[in-house]
């Protein structure tokens, strides 16, 4: 067992300060993840709207519009893949930070996250190994946009 995993019988002020810092850092990661999601949702909506507008002009403009649509759809698919992998990174960081916080709680009287994690494990779906419903849904959004981008590409190339 490492020193961080060993429970202590007392609360050191420095340990409590580290606990507060770990909680604050975890909150910042969540905020950054939310900002990243907002950016990619706006980007994808703009790309899909632009493709739809260009698609209405495909018959009139011809090859130039199809080239633009192809480029925008490819950009959308690449953005979806990048978004998905960024979410994977944020989820890994969040999980690591949660483990640090839970380990620090073993050494302090501050028990904020442990009861919450125990409760979340109770309300999870039986087919999921841990409470991942929100993160699972969050990861489906870039996949859905990627499918939309691919479908638009196929539709407009077939015209």
C-alpha atoms as a PDB file:
ATOM      1  CA  UNK A   1       0.000   0.000   0.000  1.00  0.00           C
ATOM      2  CA  UNK A   2       1.360   3.407  -0.917  1.00  0.00           C
ATOM      3  CA  UNK A   3       1.311   6.239   1.638  1.00  0.00           C
ATOM      4  CA  UNK A   4      -1.591   7.933  -0.159  1.00  0.00           C
ATOM      5  CA  UNK A   5      -3.707   4.757   0.220  1.00  0.00           C
ATOM      6  CA  UNK A   6      -3.098   4.391   3.965  1.00  0.00           C
ATOM      7  CA  UNK A   7      -5.789   5.867   6.207  1.00  0.00           C
ATOM      8  CA  UNK A   8      -4.593   8.260   8.891  1.00  0.00           C
ATOM      9  CA  UNK A   9      -5.967   8.878  12.374  1.00  0.00           C
ATOM     10  CA  UNK A  10      -5.716  12.658  12.101  1.00  0.00           C
ATOM     11  CA  UNK A  11      -6.345  15.497   9.684  1.00  0.00           C
ATOM     12  CA  UNK A  12      -3.270  17.427   8.718  1.00  0.00           C
ATOM     13  CA  UNK A  13      -3.952  20.957   7.454  1.00  0.00           C
ATOM     14  CA  UNK A  14      -1.723  20.297   4.447  1.00  0.00           C
ATOM     15  CA  UNK A  15      -3.643  17.125   3.636  1.00  0.00           C
ATOM     16  CA  UNK A  16      -6.931  19.008   3.789  1.00  0.00           C
ATOM     17  CA  UNK A  17      -5.465  21.718   1.541  1.00  0.00           C
ATOM     18  CA  UNK A  18      -4.447  19.030  -0.953  1.00  0.00           C
ATOM     19  CA  UNK A  19      -7.942  17.580  -0.776  1.00  0.00           C
ATOM     20  CA  UNK A  20      -9.494  20.977  -1.536  1.00  0.00           C
ATOM     21  CA  UNK A  21      -7.059  21.459  -4.418  1.00  0.00           C
ATOM     22  CA  UNK A  22      -7.866  18.024  -5.858  1.00  0.00           C
ATOM     23  CA  UNK A  23     -11.603  18.747  -5.715  1.00  0.00           C
ATOM     24  CA  UNK A  24     -11.101  22.143  -7.393  1.00  0.00           C
ATOM     25  CA  UNK A  25      -8.950  20.595 -10.140  1.00  0.00           C
ATOM     26  CA  UNK A  26     -11.571  17.902 -10.764  1.00  0.00           C
ATOM     27  CA  UNK A  27     -14.214  20.605 -11.080  1.00  0.00           C
ATOM     28  CA  UNK A  28     -12.062  22.490 -13.597  1.00  0.00           C
ATOM     29  CA  UNK A  29     -11.665  19.375 -15.740  1.00  0.00           C
ATOM     30  CA  UNK A  30     -15.453  18.966 -15.781  1.00  0.00           C
ATOM     31  CA  UNK A  31     -15.876  22.612 -16.779  1.00  0.00           C
ATOM     32  CA  UNK A  32     -13.330  22.238 -19.599  1.00  0.00           C
ATOM     33  CA  UNK A  33     -15.116  19.120 -20.801  1.00  0.00           C
ATOM     34  CA  UNK A  34     -18.376  21.060 -20.928  1.00  0.00           C
ATOM     35  CA  UNK A  35     -16.730  23.873 -22.882  1.00  0.00           C
ATOM     36  CA  UNK A  36     -15.223  21.352 -25.309  1.00  0.00           C
ATOM     37  CA  UNK A  37     -18.625  19.733 -25.832  1.00  0.00           C
ATOM     38  CA  UNK A  38     -20.244  23.112 -26.487  1.00  0.00           C
ATOM     39  CA  UNK A  39     -17.534  23.995 -29.030  1.00  0.00           C
ATOM     40  CA  UNK A  40     -17.944  20.760 -30.966  1.00  0.00           C
ATOM     41  CA  UNK A  41     -21.754  20.899 -30.908  1.00  0.00           C
ATOM     42  CA  UNK A  42     -21.686  24.435 -32.322  1.00  0.00           C
ATOM     43  CA  UNK A  43     -19.087  23.421 -34.919  1.00  0.00           C
ATOM     44  CA  UNK A  44     -21.083  20.384 -36.006  1.00  0.00           C
ATOM     45  CA  UNK A  45     -24.351  22.324 -36.198  1.00  0.00           C
ATOM     46  CA  UNK A  46     -22.671  24.978 -38.350  1.00  0.00           C
ATOM     47  CA  UNK A  47     -21.179  22.332 -40.637  1.00  0.00           C
ATOM     48  CA  UNK A  48     -24.466  20.477 -41.036  1.00  0.00           C
ATOM     49  CA  UNK A  49     -26.365  23.728 -41.689  1.00  0.00           C
ATOM     50  CA  UNK A  50     -23.779  24.833 -44.255  1.00  0.00           C
ATOM     51  CA  UNK A  51     -23.942  21.461 -46.005  1.00  0.00           C
ATOM     52  CA  UNK A  52     -27.737  21.705 -46.092  1.00  0.00           C
ATOM     53  CA  UNK A  53     -27.595  25.204 -47.585  1.00  0.00           C
ATOM     54  CA  UNK A  54     -25.006  24.170 -50.159  1.00  0.00           C
ATOM     55  CA  UNK A  55     -27.009  21.044 -50.895  1.00  0.00           C
ATOM     56  CA  UNK A  56     -29.974  23.099 -52.015  1.00  0.00           C
ATOM     57  CA  UNK A  57     -27.667  24.819 -54.490  1.00  0.00           C
ATOM     58  CA  UNK A  58     -26.075  21.599 -55.764  1.00  0.00           C
ATOM     59  CA  UNK A  59     -28.283  21.379 -58.828  1.00  0.00           C
ATOM     60  CA  UNK A  60     -27.521  24.963 -59.815  1.00  0.00           C
ATOM     61  CA  UNK A  61     -23.828  25.102 -58.935  1.00  0.00           C
ATOM     62  CA  UNK A  62     -22.864  21.523 -59.679  1.00  0.00           C
ATOM     63  CA  UNK A  63     -19.322  20.288 -59.091  1.00  0.00           C
ATOM     64  CA  UNK A  64     -18.177  23.241 -56.970  1.00  0.00           C
ATOM     65  CA  UNK A  65     -20.967  22.679 -54.455  1.00  0.00           C
ATOM     66  CA  UNK A  66     -20.290  18.928 -54.350  1.00  0.00           C
ATOM     67  CA  UNK A  67     -16.600  19.580 -53.685  1.00  0.00           C
ATOM     68  CA  UNK A  68     -17.471  21.986 -50.868  1.00  0.00           C
ATOM     69  CA  UNK A  69     -19.991  19.555 -49.410  1.00  0.00           C
ATOM     70  CA  UNK A  70     -17.454  16.737 -49.540  1.00  0.00           C
ATOM     71  CA  UNK A  71     -14.865  18.859 -47.751  1.00  0.00           C
ATOM     72  CA  UNK A  72     -17.307  19.997 -45.074  1.00  0.00           C
ATOM     73  CA  UNK A  73     -18.544  16.455 -44.443  1.00  0.00           C
ATOM     74  CA  UNK A  74     -14.984  15.157 -44.141  1.00  0.00           C
ATOM     75  CA  UNK A  75     -14.145  18.007 -41.741  1.00  0.00           C
ATOM     76  CA  UNK A  76     -17.247  17.080 -39.724  1.00  0.00           C
ATOM     77  CA  UNK A  77     -16.235  13.432 -39.514  1.00  0.00           C
ATOM     78  CA  UNK A  78     -12.684  14.328 -38.483  1.00  0.00           C
ATOM     79  CA  UNK A  79     -14.060  16.726 -35.862  1.00  0.00           C
ATOM     80  CA  UNK A  80     -16.326  13.953 -34.533  1.00  0.00           C
ATOM     81  CA  UNK A  81     -13.398  11.567 -34.168  1.00  0.00           C
ATOM     82  CA  UNK A  82     -11.283  14.259 -32.476  1.00  0.00           C
ATOM     83  CA  UNK A  83     -14.186  15.085 -30.159  1.00  0.00           C
ATOM     84  CA  UNK A  84     -14.638  11.425 -29.227  1.00  0.00           C
ATOM     85  CA  UNK A  85     -10.950  11.013 -28.377  1.00  0.00           C
ATOM     86  CA  UNK A  86     -10.921  14.249 -26.378  1.00  0.00           C
ATOM     87  CA  UNK A  87     -13.851  12.911 -24.359  1.00  0.00           C
ATOM     88  CA  UNK A  88     -11.896   9.721 -23.728  1.00  0.00           C
ATOM     89  CA  UNK A  89      -9.021  11.811 -22.398  1.00  0.00           C
ATOM     90  CA  UNK A  90     -11.270  13.913 -20.177  1.00  0.00           C
ATOM     91  CA  UNK A  91     -12.956  10.791 -18.811  1.00  0.00           C
ATOM     92  CA  UNK A  92      -9.588   9.216 -17.987  1.00  0.00           C
ATOM     93  CA  UNK A  93      -8.419  12.405 -16.247  1.00  0.00           C
ATOM     94  CA  UNK A  94     -11.707  12.676 -14.322  1.00  0.00           C
ATOM     95  CA  UNK A  95     -11.485   9.057 -13.215  1.00  0.00           C
ATOM     96  CA  UNK A  96      -7.890   9.503 -12.048  1.00  0.00           C
ATOM     97  CA  UNK A  97      -8.797  12.673 -10.141  1.00  0.00           C
ATOM     98  CA  UNK A  98     -11.749  10.931  -8.516  1.00  0.00           C
ATOM     99  CA  UNK A  99      -9.472   8.110  -7.358  1.00  0.00           C
ATOM    100  CA  UNK A 100      -7.022  10.615  -5.857  1.00  0.00           C
ATOM    101  CA  UNK A 101      -9.880  12.365  -4.043  1.00  0.00           C
ATOM    102  CA  UNK A 102     -11.241   9.060  -2.733  1.00  0.00           C
ATOM    103  CA  UNK A 103      -7.772   8.052  -1.524  1.00  0.00           C
ATOM    104  CA  UNK A 104      -7.320  11.407   0.210  1.00  0.00           C
ATOM    105  CA  UNK A 105     -10.693  10.915   1.905  1.00  0.00           C
ATOM    106  CA  UNK A 106      -9.320   7.770   3.515  1.00  0.00           C
ATOM    107  CA  UNK A 107      -6.839   9.989   5.364  1.00  0.00           C
ATOM    108  CA  UNK A 108      -9.208  12.785   6.409  1.00  0.00           C
ATOM    109  CA  UNK A 109     -12.552  13.186   8.107  1.00  0.00           C
ATOM    110  CA  UNK A 110     -13.881  14.838   4.917  1.00  0.00           C
ATOM    111  CA  UNK A 111     -16.097  12.209   3.321  1.00  0.00           C
ATOM    112  CA  UNK A 112     -17.880  13.963   0.498  1.00  0.00           C
ATOM    113  CA  UNK A 113     -17.247  11.867  -2.587  1.00  0.00           C
ATOM    114  CA  UNK A 114     -17.176   8.336  -1.161  1.00  0.00           C
ATOM    115  CA  UNK A 115     -20.898   8.289  -0.212  1.00  0.00           C
ATOM    116  CA  UNK A 116     -21.755   9.828  -3.583  1.00  0.00           C
ATOM    117  CA  UNK A 117     -19.791   7.179  -5.499  1.00  0.00           C
ATOM    118  CA  UNK A 118     -21.390   4.403  -3.432  1.00  0.00           C
ATOM    119  CA  UNK A 119     -24.843   5.806  -4.225  1.00  0.00           C
ATOM    120  CA  UNK A 120     -24.050   6.132  -7.939  1.00  0.00           C
ATOM    121  CA  UNK A 121     -22.970   2.509  -8.066  1.00  0.00           C
ATOM    122  CA  UNK A 122     -26.357   1.516  -6.646  1.00  0.00           C
ATOM    123  CA  UNK A 123     -28.378   3.388  -9.296  1.00  0.00           C
ATOM    124  CA  UNK A 124     -26.352   2.244 -12.309  1.00  0.00           C
ATOM    125  CA  UNK A 125     -27.832   0.068 -15.038  1.00  0.00           C
ATOM    126  CA  UNK A 126     -27.184  -3.622 -14.465  1.00  0.00           C
ATOM    127  CA  UNK A 127     -25.469  -4.056 -17.841  1.00  0.00           C
ATOM    128  CA  UNK A 128     -22.868  -1.350 -17.175  1.00  0.00           C
ATOM    129  CA  UNK A 129     -19.760  -2.120 -15.093  1.00  0.00           C
ATOM    130  CA  UNK A 130     -19.891   1.218 -13.282  1.00  0.00           C
ATOM    131  CA  UNK A 131     -21.864   4.465 -13.313  1.00  0.00           C
ATOM    132  CA  UNK A 132     -21.250   5.604 -16.879  1.00  0.00           C
ATOM    133  CA  UNK A 133     -24.665   6.555 -18.196  1.00  0.00           C
ATOM    134  CA  UNK A 134     -23.878  10.252 -18.676  1.00  0.00           C
ATOM    135  CA  UNK A 135     -20.417   9.682 -20.129  1.00  0.00           C
ATOM    136  CA  UNK A 136     -21.781   6.941 -22.388  1.00  0.00           C
ATOM    137  CA  UNK A 137     -24.450   9.283 -23.711  1.00  0.00           C
ATOM    138  CA  UNK A 138     -21.855  12.023 -24.054  1.00  0.00           C
ATOM    139  CA  UNK A 139     -19.722   9.737 -26.242  1.00  0.00           C
ATOM    140  CA  UNK A 140     -22.675   8.838 -28.460  1.00  0.00           C
ATOM    141  CA  UNK A 141     -23.144  12.467 -29.544  1.00  0.00           C
ATOM    142  CA  UNK A 142     -19.916  12.696 -31.604  1.00  0.00           C
ATOM    143  CA  UNK A 143     -20.680   9.271 -33.069  1.00  0.00           C
ATOM    144  CA  UNK A 144     -24.157  10.474 -34.070  1.00  0.00           C
ATOM    145  CA  UNK A 145     -22.724  13.593 -35.716  1.00  0.00           C
ATOM    146  CA  UNK A 146     -20.193  11.444 -37.560  1.00  0.00           C
ATOM    147  CA  UNK A 147     -23.054   9.289 -38.907  1.00  0.00           C
ATOM    148  CA  UNK A 148     -24.979  12.429 -39.946  1.00  0.00           C
ATOM    149  CA  UNK A 149     -21.903  13.809 -41.725  1.00  0.00           C
ATOM    150  CA  UNK A 150     -21.357  10.500 -43.506  1.00  0.00           C
ATOM    151  CA  UNK A 151     -25.020  10.266 -44.499  1.00  0.00           C
ATOM    152  CA  UNK A 152     -24.995  13.811 -45.880  1.00  0.00           C
ATOM    153  CA  UNK A 153     -21.846  13.021 -47.835  1.00  0.00           C
ATOM    154  CA  UNK A 154     -23.384   9.896 -49.345  1.00  0.00           C
ATOM    155  CA  UNK A 155     -26.669  11.637 -50.183  1.00  0.00           C
ATOM    156  CA  UNK A 156     -25.074  14.634 -51.850  1.00  0.00           C
ATOM    157  CA  UNK A 157     -22.495  12.603 -53.763  1.00  0.00           C
ATOM    158  CA  UNK A 158     -25.297  10.431 -55.109  1.00  0.00           C
ATOM    159  CA  UNK A 159     -27.103  13.478 -56.578  1.00  0.00           C
END
